[in-house]
Protein backbone atom coordinates (compact mmCIF):
# COMPACT_ATOMS: atom_id res chain seq x y z
CA MET A 1 -13.43 -39.94 8.41
CA MET A 2 -10.77 -40.75 5.89
CA ASN A 3 -11.70 -44.20 4.06
CA PHE A 4 -7.70 -45.49 5.24
CA ALA A 5 -9.23 -49.08 5.20
CA TYR A 6 -10.84 -48.82 1.86
CA PHE A 7 -7.49 -47.23 0.52
CA GLY A 8 -5.08 -49.81 2.04
CA LYS A 9 -7.86 -52.44 0.74
CA GLN A 10 -7.67 -51.26 -3.01
CA LEU A 11 -3.76 -51.05 -2.66
CA GLY A 12 -3.57 -54.98 -1.43
CA TYR A 13 -5.58 -55.75 -3.92
CA LEU A 14 -3.95 -53.82 -7.02
CA PHE A 15 -0.28 -55.63 -5.74
CA LYS A 16 -1.72 -59.07 -4.27
CA SER A 17 -4.17 -60.11 -6.87
CA PRO A 18 -3.59 -63.28 -8.95
CA CYS A 19 -4.79 -61.60 -12.24
CA ILE A 20 -2.10 -60.94 -14.66
CA LYS A 21 -4.13 -59.01 -17.46
CA VAL A 22 -3.54 -55.95 -18.57
CA ASN A 23 -6.99 -54.79 -18.46
CA CYS A 24 -7.31 -56.38 -14.84
CA PHE A 25 -4.23 -54.17 -13.30
CA LEU A 26 -5.70 -51.00 -15.17
CA LYS A 27 -8.89 -51.30 -13.47
CA SER A 28 -7.39 -51.86 -9.97
CA TYR A 29 -5.44 -48.86 -10.82
CA LYS A 30 -8.07 -46.58 -12.14
CA THR A 31 -9.83 -47.80 -8.45
CA LEU A 32 -6.93 -46.81 -6.38
CA SER A 33 -6.73 -43.42 -8.21
CA LYS A 34 -10.14 -42.54 -7.53
CA SER A 35 -9.92 -43.36 -4.21
CA SER A 36 -6.64 -41.40 -3.77
CA PHE A 37 -8.18 -38.30 -5.35
CA ARG A 38 -11.53 -38.61 -3.03
CA ILE A 39 -9.03 -38.88 -0.08
CA LEU A 40 -7.12 -35.76 -1.50
CA VAL A 41 -10.28 -33.42 -2.44
CA PHE A 42 -12.68 -33.82 0.51
CA HIS A 43 -10.21 -34.61 3.51
CA VAL A 44 -6.73 -32.68 2.95
CA ASN A 45 -6.40 -28.87 3.72
CA PRO A 46 -6.39 -26.25 0.62
CA PHE A 47 -3.24 -24.77 1.81
CA TRP A 48 -1.14 -27.65 1.83
CA ILE A 49 -2.79 -28.95 -1.47
CA GLN A 50 -1.48 -25.56 -3.17
CA LEU A 51 1.81 -25.26 -0.60
CA VAL A 52 2.96 -28.97 -2.41
CA TYR A 53 1.67 -27.51 -5.61
CA PHE A 54 3.90 -24.66 -5.41
CA LEU A 55 6.64 -26.47 -4.52
CA ILE A 56 6.72 -29.12 -7.11
CA LEU A 57 6.25 -26.67 -9.76
CA SER A 58 9.38 -24.75 -8.19
CA LEU A 59 11.64 -27.85 -8.45
CA VAL A 60 10.42 -29.08 -12.11
CA GLY A 61 11.28 -25.12 -12.90
CA PHE A 62 14.44 -25.14 -10.98
CA LEU A 63 15.67 -28.61 -12.94
CA ALA A 64 14.40 -27.30 -16.33
CA LEU A 65 16.38 -24.11 -15.91
CA LYS A 66 19.24 -26.33 -14.80
CA VAL A 67 19.22 -28.70 -17.61
CA SER A 68 18.94 -25.89 -20.40
CA LYS A 69 21.68 -23.48 -21.03
CA PRO A 70 21.54 -19.61 -20.40
CA ARG A 71 23.04 -17.04 -22.94
CA THR A 72 26.13 -16.81 -21.00
CA PRO A 73 29.64 -18.45 -21.19
CA PRO A 74 29.13 -21.32 -18.33
CA SER A 75 32.04 -19.60 -16.25
CA LEU A 76 29.11 -16.57 -15.86
CA LYS A 77 26.47 -19.40 -15.68
CA PRO A 78 23.78 -18.68 -12.47
CA ASN A 79 24.68 -20.65 -9.04
CA ASP A 80 21.85 -23.18 -8.37
CA LEU A 81 20.67 -21.21 -5.60
CA ASP A 82 20.03 -18.07 -7.66
CA ILE A 83 18.47 -20.47 -10.16
CA PHE A 84 16.15 -22.03 -7.91
CA PHE A 85 15.48 -18.31 -6.45
CA THR A 86 14.32 -17.44 -10.25
CA SER A 87 12.01 -20.67 -10.34
CA VAL A 88 10.33 -19.93 -7.08
CA SER A 89 10.22 -15.85 -7.90
CA THR A 90 8.41 -17.17 -11.26
CA ALA A 91 6.24 -19.74 -9.81
CA THR A 92 4.91 -17.71 -6.63
CA VAL A 93 5.06 -14.51 -9.19
CA SER A 94 6.86 -12.39 -6.41
CA SER A 95 8.78 -10.37 -8.93
CA MET A 96 11.92 -10.69 -7.47
CA THR A 97 15.26 -12.10 -9.14
CA SER A 98 18.51 -12.57 -8.59
CA VAL A 99 19.90 -13.04 -12.19
CA GLU A 100 19.81 -10.37 -15.33
CA MET A 101 17.15 -11.59 -17.28
CA GLU A 102 19.14 -11.47 -20.64
CA VAL A 103 21.44 -14.19 -18.97
CA LEU A 104 18.45 -16.31 -19.86
CA SER A 105 18.16 -17.98 -23.15
CA ASN A 106 15.24 -18.36 -25.18
CA THR A 107 14.29 -21.82 -23.81
CA GLN A 108 14.70 -20.27 -20.23
CA LEU A 109 12.43 -17.43 -21.16
CA ILE A 110 9.79 -20.14 -22.22
CA ILE A 111 10.40 -22.17 -19.26
CA MET A 112 9.35 -19.18 -16.96
CA THR A 113 6.96 -18.09 -19.19
CA ILE A 114 4.63 -21.44 -18.55
CA LEU A 115 5.73 -21.19 -15.13
CA MET A 116 4.10 -18.14 -14.67
CA LEU A 117 1.09 -19.04 -16.53
CA VAL A 118 0.16 -22.06 -14.14
CA GLY A 119 1.36 -20.31 -11.02
CA GLY A 120 -0.32 -16.89 -11.99
CA GLU A 121 -3.86 -16.84 -9.22
CA VAL A 122 -6.65 -16.78 -12.11
CA PHE A 123 -4.80 -20.41 -13.64
CA THR A 124 -4.79 -21.57 -10.08
CA SER A 125 -8.25 -20.43 -9.00
CA MET A 126 -9.68 -22.28 -12.21
CA LEU A 127 -7.82 -25.54 -10.67
CA GLU A 128 -9.88 -25.26 -7.59
CA ILE A 129 -13.00 -24.73 -9.47
CA GLN A 130 -12.52 -28.47 -10.32
CA PHE A 131 -12.07 -29.33 -6.98
CA LYS A 132 -15.03 -27.90 -5.75
CA ARG A 133 -16.76 -29.14 -8.78
CA SER A 134 -16.14 -32.42 -7.62
CA LYS A 135 -16.95 -31.91 -4.24
CA PHE A 136 -20.40 -30.84 -5.49
CA SER A 137 -20.48 -33.87 -7.73
CA ARG A 138 -20.48 -36.08 -4.42
CA HIS A 139 -23.13 -34.13 -2.38
CA SER A 140 -25.66 -34.37 -5.67
CA LEU A 141 -24.93 -38.30 -5.48
CA SER A 142 -26.18 -38.76 -1.84
CA ASN A 143 -29.11 -36.09 -2.16
CA PRO A 144 -29.65 -35.46 -6.08
CA THR A 145 -32.31 -32.44 -5.49
CA SER A 146 -30.65 -30.93 -2.70
CA SER A 147 -29.38 -27.67 -4.71
CA LEU A 148 -31.63 -27.48 -7.71
CA GLU A 149 -33.25 -24.50 -6.16
CA LEU A 150 -32.86 -21.47 -8.27
CA VAL A 151 -34.73 -18.85 -6.38
CA PRO A 152 -36.40 -19.11 -2.76
CA ALA A 153 -40.01 -19.98 -2.48
CA ASP A 154 -40.92 -16.59 -0.99
CA ASP A 155 -39.74 -15.16 -4.52
CA SER A 156 -41.09 -18.01 -6.96
CA HIS A 157 -44.70 -16.01 -6.93
CA GLY A 158 -43.05 -12.70 -8.20
CA LEU A 159 -41.54 -14.31 -11.18
CA ALA A 160 -41.78 -11.85 -14.12
CA GLU A 161 -42.93 -13.29 -17.72
CA ASN A 162 -39.47 -13.62 -19.04
CA GLU A 163 -37.93 -15.58 -16.19
CA LYS A 164 -40.61 -18.58 -16.55
CA SER A 165 -38.71 -19.88 -19.22
CA ALA A 166 -35.52 -19.99 -16.78
CA GLU A 167 -38.21 -22.07 -14.81
CA ILE A 168 -39.14 -24.18 -17.61
CA ASP A 169 -35.35 -24.67 -18.64
CA LEU A 170 -35.00 -25.80 -14.91
CA GLU A 171 -37.16 -28.31 -15.03
CA SER A 172 -36.00 -30.07 -17.89
CA HIS A 173 -32.50 -29.78 -16.75
CA ARG A 174 -33.84 -31.54 -13.37
CA ASN A 175 -35.13 -34.17 -15.79
CA SER A 176 -32.75 -34.55 -17.69
CA SER A 177 -29.13 -34.43 -15.71
CA GLY A 178 -30.30 -37.16 -13.12
CA ILE A 179 -27.96 -36.83 -10.53
CA GLU A 180 -25.79 -34.19 -11.42
CA SER A 181 -27.18 -30.57 -9.41
CA LEU A 182 -27.49 -26.94 -10.87
CA GLN A 183 -25.02 -26.28 -9.11
CA SER A 184 -22.61 -28.53 -10.21
CA ALA A 185 -23.19 -28.10 -13.70
CA SER A 186 -22.99 -24.14 -13.13
CA MET A 187 -19.29 -24.62 -11.57
CA LYS A 188 -18.62 -26.73 -14.67
CA THR A 189 -19.46 -23.83 -16.88
CA LEU A 190 -17.79 -21.34 -14.64
CA GLY A 191 -14.40 -23.27 -15.45
CA TYR A 192 -14.98 -23.08 -18.80
CA VAL A 193 -15.47 -19.39 -18.59
CA VAL A 194 -12.85 -18.70 -16.84
CA LEU A 195 -10.56 -21.28 -19.09
CA GLY A 196 -12.00 -19.16 -21.73
CA TYR A 197 -10.92 -15.76 -20.15
CA LEU A 198 -7.54 -17.05 -19.85
CA LEU A 199 -7.06 -17.87 -23.79
CA VAL A 200 -8.60 -14.89 -25.08
CA ILE A 201 -6.61 -12.58 -23.11
CA HIS A 202 -3.24 -14.25 -23.57
CA ILE A 203 -4.11 -14.91 -27.34
CA SER A 204 -5.40 -11.89 -28.07
CA GLY A 205 -2.83 -9.91 -25.93
CA SER A 206 0.18 -11.64 -27.35
CA SER A 207 -0.80 -11.34 -30.83
CA LEU A 208 -1.50 -6.86 -30.23
CA VAL A 209 1.87 -6.98 -28.64
CA ALA A 210 3.88 -8.88 -31.19
CA LEU A 211 2.24 -6.57 -33.83
CA TYR A 212 2.98 -3.56 -32.30
CA THR A 213 6.71 -4.51 -31.98
CA SER A 214 6.99 -6.09 -35.57
CA LEU A 215 5.57 -2.70 -37.14
CA VAL A 216 7.12 0.01 -34.64
CA PRO A 217 10.97 0.37 -35.67
CA SER A 218 12.02 1.42 -32.21
CA ALA A 219 10.72 -1.30 -30.51
CA ARG A 220 11.49 -4.07 -33.23
CA GLU A 221 15.07 -2.40 -33.00
CA VAL A 222 15.36 -2.99 -28.90
CA LEU A 223 14.78 -6.28 -29.31
CA THR A 224 17.08 -6.86 -32.16
CA LYS A 225 20.06 -5.53 -30.76
CA LYS A 226 19.23 -7.78 -27.40
CA ALA A 227 18.64 -11.02 -30.08
CA ILE A 228 15.32 -11.68 -28.32
CA GLN A 229 12.65 -12.96 -30.55
CA VAL A 230 9.79 -11.20 -30.99
CA GLN A 231 7.18 -13.55 -30.38
CA THR A 232 8.89 -15.19 -27.34
CA PHE A 233 9.30 -11.51 -25.88
CA SER A 234 5.11 -10.63 -26.69
CA LEU A 235 3.84 -14.02 -24.87
CA PHE A 236 6.58 -13.75 -21.91
CA THR A 237 5.42 -10.47 -21.09
CA VAL A 238 1.92 -11.00 -21.64
CA VAL A 239 1.60 -13.69 -19.34
CA SER A 240 4.02 -11.78 -17.19
CA THR A 241 1.85 -8.77 -16.85
CA PHE A 242 -1.37 -10.97 -16.40
CA SER A 243 -0.39 -13.26 -13.81
CA ASN A 244 1.47 -9.14 -12.23
CA CYS A 245 4.33 -11.56 -12.14
CA GLY A 246 6.48 -7.98 -13.30
CA PHE A 247 8.91 -9.93 -15.40
CA VAL A 248 10.53 -8.48 -18.70
CA PRO A 249 12.88 -10.31 -21.03
CA THR A 250 15.03 -6.99 -21.08
CA ASN A 251 17.23 -6.14 -18.21
CA GLU A 252 15.81 -2.58 -17.48
CA ASN A 253 12.61 -4.24 -17.12
CA MET A 254 10.21 -1.64 -19.06
CA ILE A 255 12.37 1.40 -19.21
CA VAL A 256 13.67 0.97 -22.60
CA PHE A 257 10.40 1.38 -23.89
CA LYS A 258 9.08 4.27 -22.17
CA LYS A 259 8.67 6.00 -25.30
CA ASN A 260 6.61 3.45 -26.64
CA SER A 261 3.12 4.79 -25.72
CA GLY A 262 1.12 2.33 -27.78
CA LEU A 263 2.90 -0.84 -25.98
CA LEU A 264 2.23 0.50 -22.67
CA LEU A 265 -1.51 1.03 -23.17
CA LEU A 266 -1.76 -2.49 -24.44
CA LEU A 267 0.03 -4.05 -21.15
CA ILE A 268 -1.80 -1.41 -18.88
CA PRO A 269 -5.29 -3.76 -18.96
CA GLN A 270 -3.55 -7.21 -19.07
CA THR A 271 -2.54 -6.17 -15.37
CA LEU A 272 -5.93 -4.67 -14.22
CA LEU A 273 -7.71 -7.79 -15.72
CA GLY A 274 -5.50 -10.21 -14.25
CA ASN A 275 -5.57 -8.98 -11.00
CA THR A 276 -8.20 -5.80 -9.07
CA LEU A 277 -10.42 -6.00 -11.84
CA TYR A 278 -10.57 -9.82 -12.63
CA ALA A 279 -13.82 -10.19 -10.60
CA PRO A 280 -15.61 -7.28 -12.23
CA THR A 281 -15.12 -8.50 -15.53
CA LEU A 282 -15.69 -12.20 -14.92
CA ARG A 283 -19.33 -10.97 -13.28
CA PHE A 284 -19.61 -8.87 -16.54
CA LEU A 285 -18.89 -11.44 -18.91
CA ILE A 286 -21.22 -14.10 -17.18
CA TRP A 287 -24.32 -11.20 -17.69
CA VAL A 288 -23.13 -10.89 -21.51
CA LEU A 289 -23.57 -14.43 -21.49
CA GLU A 290 -26.56 -15.09 -20.01
CA LYS A 291 -28.30 -12.13 -22.27
CA MET A 292 -27.01 -14.03 -25.12
CA THR A 293 -27.52 -18.04 -24.50
CA LYS A 294 -30.23 -17.73 -21.45
CA ARG A 295 -28.98 -20.23 -20.07
CA VAL A 296 -29.78 -21.27 -16.25
CA GLU A 297 -26.14 -22.00 -15.12
CA TYR A 298 -25.34 -18.14 -15.88
CA LYS A 299 -28.34 -17.08 -14.40
CA TYR A 300 -27.58 -19.05 -11.23
CA MET A 301 -23.92 -17.99 -10.71
CA LEU A 302 -25.57 -14.47 -10.93
CA LYS A 303 -27.77 -15.00 -7.99
CA ASN A 304 -26.14 -17.54 -6.13
CA SER A 305 -22.37 -15.94 -6.55
CA ARG A 306 -21.35 -16.90 -2.38
CA GLU A 307 -23.12 -20.06 -2.87
CA MET A 308 -20.80 -21.00 -6.16
CA GLY A 309 -17.49 -21.20 -3.66
CA TYR A 310 -15.45 -19.29 -5.97
CA SER A 311 -13.96 -16.05 -4.47
CA HIS A 312 -13.50 -14.28 -7.25
CA LEU A 313 -17.21 -14.39 -8.30
CA MET A 314 -18.75 -11.66 -6.35
CA SER A 315 -21.98 -9.90 -6.18
CA GLY A 316 -23.14 -6.96 -8.32
CA VAL A 317 -22.51 -4.47 -5.23
CA ARG A 318 -19.06 -5.58 -4.32
CA CYS A 319 -18.04 -5.80 -7.77
CA TRP A 320 -19.38 -1.87 -7.98
CA PHE A 321 -17.37 -0.97 -5.12
CA LEU A 322 -14.46 -2.82 -6.47
CA PHE A 323 -14.01 -1.13 -9.44
CA GLY A 324 -15.15 2.26 -7.97
CA THR A 325 -11.93 1.63 -4.72
CA VAL A 326 -9.22 0.91 -8.27
CA LEU A 327 -10.65 4.19 -10.06
CA VAL A 328 -10.26 6.23 -7.19
CA PHE A 329 -6.89 4.84 -6.26
CA LEU A 330 -5.36 5.02 -9.55
CA LEU A 331 -6.54 8.57 -10.25
CA ALA A 332 -5.39 9.98 -7.10
CA GLU A 333 -2.00 8.06 -7.49
CA LEU A 334 -1.42 9.44 -10.88
CA VAL A 335 -2.43 12.81 -9.94
CA VAL A 336 0.18 12.82 -7.41
CA PHE A 337 2.36 11.13 -9.37
CA CYS A 338 2.30 13.91 -12.08
CA SER A 339 2.18 16.62 -10.09
CA MET A 340 5.45 16.07 -8.39
CA GLU A 341 7.58 14.33 -11.32
CA TRP A 342 6.01 16.02 -14.45
CA ASN A 343 8.96 18.27 -14.56
CA SER A 344 11.79 15.97 -13.30
CA GLY A 345 14.45 14.33 -14.55
CA VAL A 346 12.75 10.94 -15.26
CA MET A 347 10.24 12.57 -17.28
CA ASP A 348 13.38 13.84 -19.44
CA GLY A 349 13.01 13.67 -23.45
CA LEU A 350 9.54 12.44 -23.33
CA SER A 351 6.25 14.53 -24.73
CA TRP A 352 3.26 15.40 -22.81
CA PHE A 353 1.68 12.22 -23.93
CA GLU A 354 4.12 9.90 -23.78
CA LYS A 355 4.69 11.33 -19.54
CA LEU A 356 1.35 10.85 -19.13
CA VAL A 357 0.92 7.27 -20.34
CA ALA A 358 4.06 6.31 -18.70
CA ALA A 359 3.05 7.70 -15.48
CA LEU A 360 0.00 5.82 -15.96
CA PHE A 361 1.35 2.52 -16.77
CA GLN A 362 4.05 2.85 -13.31
CA VAL A 363 1.15 3.75 -11.16
CA VAL A 364 -0.80 0.82 -12.16
CA SER A 365 2.45 -1.59 -11.86
CA SER A 366 2.82 -0.07 -8.50
CA ARG A 367 -0.58 -1.47 -7.79
CA HIS A 368 0.74 -5.33 -8.00
CA SER A 369 2.58 -5.86 -11.59
CA GLY A 370 5.80 -4.49 -10.54
CA GLU A 371 7.24 -3.37 -13.53
CA SER A 372 9.29 -0.26 -13.86
CA VAL A 373 8.95 2.54 -17.21
CA PHE A 374 11.10 4.64 -14.75
CA ASP A 375 14.53 4.23 -12.56
CA LEU A 376 13.05 4.07 -9.15
CA SER A 377 16.32 4.97 -7.75
CA THR A 378 15.57 8.58 -9.35
CA ILE A 379 11.96 9.03 -8.45
CA SER A 380 11.46 11.26 -5.16
CA PRO A 381 11.37 9.29 -1.54
CA ALA A 382 7.42 10.98 -1.47
CA ILE A 383 6.36 9.19 -4.63
CA LEU A 384 8.19 6.00 -3.29
CA VAL A 385 6.40 6.11 -0.13
CA ILE A 386 3.29 6.02 -2.02
CA PHE A 387 4.26 2.96 -3.89
CA VAL A 388 4.96 1.07 -0.70
CA VAL A 389 1.27 1.81 0.59
CA MET A 390 -0.28 1.03 -2.81
CA ILE A 391 1.62 -2.42 -2.69
CA ALA A 392 0.78 -3.28 0.89
CA TYR A 393 -0.30 -6.64 0.87
CA GLY A 394 0.63 -7.48 -2.72
CA ASN A 395 3.56 -9.83 -4.38
CA VAL A 396 5.14 -6.66 -5.97
CA GLY A 397 8.88 -6.76 -6.42
CA PHE A 398 9.71 -3.42 -7.60
CA SER A 399 13.83 -2.84 -6.88
CA SER A 400 15.93 0.27 -7.50
CA GLY A 401 18.43 -2.53 -8.96
CA TYR A 402 21.90 -2.52 -7.70
CA SER A 403 24.20 0.31 -8.66
CA CYS A 404 27.73 1.14 -7.03
CA GLU A 405 27.03 4.68 -7.30
CA ARG A 406 24.67 3.91 -4.26
CA ARG A 407 27.10 2.60 -1.73
CA LEU A 408 28.67 4.41 1.06
CA HIS A 409 31.85 3.27 0.27
CA LYS A 410 33.06 2.99 -3.69
CA GLU A 411 35.15 0.09 -4.16
CA SER A 412 36.96 -0.41 -7.81
CA TRP A 413 35.68 -4.20 -7.47
CA CYS A 414 32.14 -2.95 -8.03
CA LYS A 415 30.10 -3.68 -11.07
CA ASP A 416 26.83 -2.35 -11.92
CA GLU A 417 24.22 -5.23 -12.15
CA TRP A 418 20.10 -5.14 -13.27
CA TYR A 419 19.01 -7.43 -11.02
CA GLY A 420 17.58 -6.39 -8.34
CA PHE A 421 19.69 -5.90 -4.65
CA VAL A 422 18.12 -9.37 -3.44
CA GLY A 423 20.91 -10.35 -5.46
CA LYS A 424 23.51 -8.88 -3.42
CA TRP A 425 21.96 -11.39 -0.31
CA SER A 426 23.66 -14.00 1.28
CA ASN A 427 22.42 -17.44 0.82
CA LEU A 428 20.86 -17.93 4.10
CA GLY A 429 19.02 -14.25 2.78
CA LYS A 430 17.78 -15.71 -0.16
CA ILE A 431 16.61 -19.24 1.29
CA ILE A 432 14.72 -16.84 4.00
CA LEU A 433 13.10 -14.90 1.11
CA ILE A 434 12.06 -18.03 -0.92
CA ILE A 435 10.26 -19.35 2.31
CA VAL A 436 8.38 -15.70 2.74
CA MET A 437 7.71 -15.79 -1.38
CA PHE A 438 5.82 -19.49 -0.75
CA PHE A 439 3.69 -18.18 1.99
CA GLY A 440 3.08 -14.95 0.47
CA ARG A 441 1.45 -16.41 -2.88
CA LEU A 442 -0.75 -18.54 -0.06
CA LYS A 443 -1.41 -15.37 2.08
CA LYS A 444 -5.09 -15.83 0.74
CA PHE A 445 -5.47 -18.42 3.59
CA PHE A 446 -4.12 -16.61 6.40
CA ILE A 447 -7.08 -13.26 5.45
CA ASN A 448 -8.40 -13.72 9.16
CA GLY A 449 -5.16 -13.77 10.75
CA GLY A 450 -5.35 -10.40 12.10
CA LYS A 451 -8.78 -10.36 13.41
CA ALA A 452 -6.95 -10.43 17.06
CA TRP A 453 -5.54 -7.12 16.66
CA LYS A 454 -8.10 -4.11 17.49
CA LEU A 455 -7.30 -0.94 18.33
CA SER A 456 -10.20 0.58 20.25
């Protein structure tokens, strides 16, 4: 049961104690904070924790975007609802926007970069690791030796010579760590691995993109004309691509870079490593670290992926199946796309290599990230249907933009816009989409929601 009595007692002590010394106050505050954290970790449903997390993140992002000044004159400044819509879309990595990207100033682009980073799946899963680690630590306090088994008893007699060292290390670990269990230590190590994974990919990725845009005149010229800083563009695009948000600082998304095959090849791995290939890559990284360091924590993670409770840490068999599935889908979609669009208008002006790389980028983006290297309104309906199938259950914000030419009745006052069609929705429609984006980001908590629908 939730220890509300203890919580109330600490709260009362904090405000009623006659002690006026600062250290006494800090001690009481620390005790109260620990009690609150235990209640949050052990008694609150993770769905509500993440919902509050994204709500606070979106509100903070909204305030930051509202306070900072856009590049446009005050008369053209986006209204509050559009700013909040953009903040929610960025924090939930939903790829939907109701304002043109080039309206945003450099400061606002940096704010959106932070929102995409802390709202991405890999980052939030790293926070989940810390919560799970706290639970493991609490369990080990009550039963220090309950989770220190590396292998089942039936398999202990079959240990090879090279595995005996791991057993010796386990024994020394048990003696030196005291109340900290191997499971808790492995979860702590996993947190460091995921953090390192994030840092290496973002630092190396943004550095390579910055280097490319600085050395290639055509790419640098685009940023110069649009008054976009190279460093901001590089970090923003890499974070957006890795988190699968699909935002690019240019109004045209990646269409203006469709001839820059090198840039597209740099971003393609970012899309996959931040989503469908994250689990296989994470397991491979842990396997490499285990071979290099021989640490027992890595061995435990590889042998007990399910017990770790981290959904992205899968067994070797599941990782191979996932890798094969991703490869087959991408190849099949690429073949269909090239066969139908190779000689179409969307490929005009591109060499055969540029066509192949651009098609691969578009196919990979259709899986999750939502970035566009072609004008989707000019792609054949059959390909669009395939895209719809591929992005099912994914937060992909593909849009064909808002063009006056597509209106049934042309009006003289109509103005072409580069934001998505949602930009022309009513306020009520945008509010409904905001709610959908929140629950779409938390869809993993409803993964078993369709079990009752059985067709026989």
